[in-house]
């Protein structure tokens, strides 16, 4: 009786779903980072750090 090797990785459809999920997450993260509130908060942190206080 011959045994078949186990699948050791993802198949093409799983790669595609992983890429779609990663791109969706990256798009969401980009929207959050470029939003006005986040930009103001980051600018405040940088200005505080540069002013030395």
Protein backbone atom coordinates (compact mmCIF):
# COMPACT_ATOMS: atom_id res chain seq x y z
CA UNK A 1 0.00 0.00 0.00
CA UNK A 2 1.38 3.33 -1.05
CA UNK A 3 0.99 6.46 1.07
CA UNK A 4 0.68 9.89 -0.40
CA UNK A 5 2.75 12.78 0.87
CA UNK A 6 1.03 15.37 2.98
CA UNK A 7 0.40 18.84 1.60
CA UNK A 8 3.12 20.99 3.08
CA UNK A 9 1.88 24.40 2.05
CA UNK A 10 -0.88 26.53 0.67
CA UNK A 11 -2.44 25.96 -2.71
CA UNK A 12 -2.94 28.75 -5.23
CA UNK A 13 -6.45 29.61 -4.06
CA UNK A 14 -5.21 29.94 -0.48
CA UNK A 15 -2.41 32.24 -1.65
CA UNK A 16 -4.97 34.35 -3.51
CA UNK A 17 -7.22 34.64 -0.44
CA UNK A 18 -4.21 35.52 1.71
CA UNK A 19 -3.16 38.23 -0.72
CA UNK A 20 -6.69 39.65 -0.90
CA UNK A 21 -6.89 39.74 2.90
CA UNK A 22 -3.46 41.40 3.17
CA UNK A 23 -4.34 44.04 0.58
CA UNK A 24 -7.65 44.73 2.31
CA UNK A 25 -5.90 45.14 5.66
CA UNK A 26 -3.26 47.40 4.11
CA UNK A 27 -5.98 49.57 2.56
CA UNK A 28 -7.79 49.86 5.88
CA UNK A 29 -4.56 50.71 7.68
CA UNK A 30 -3.73 53.33 5.04
CA UNK A 31 -7.15 54.96 5.53
CA UNK A 32 -6.67 55.06 9.29
CA UNK A 33 -3.15 56.48 9.09
CA UNK A 34 -4.08 59.18 6.57
CA UNK A 35 -7.23 60.26 8.41
CA UNK A 36 -7.29 63.79 9.81
CA UNK A 37 -7.42 62.77 13.47
CA UNK A 38 -4.51 60.35 13.18
CA UNK A 39 -2.46 62.86 11.22
CA UNK A 40 -3.05 65.53 13.87
CA UNK A 41 -2.14 63.12 16.67
CA UNK A 42 1.08 62.05 14.94
CA UNK A 43 1.96 65.66 14.16
CA UNK A 44 1.45 66.56 17.83
CA UNK A 45 3.74 63.73 18.93
CA UNK A 46 6.47 64.77 16.47
CA UNK A 47 6.21 68.44 17.42
CA UNK A 48 6.41 67.58 21.12
CA UNK A 49 9.45 65.38 20.51
CA UNK A 50 11.21 68.06 18.44
CA UNK A 51 10.51 70.79 20.98
CA UNK A 52 12.33 68.77 23.62
CA UNK A 53 9.43 68.53 26.02
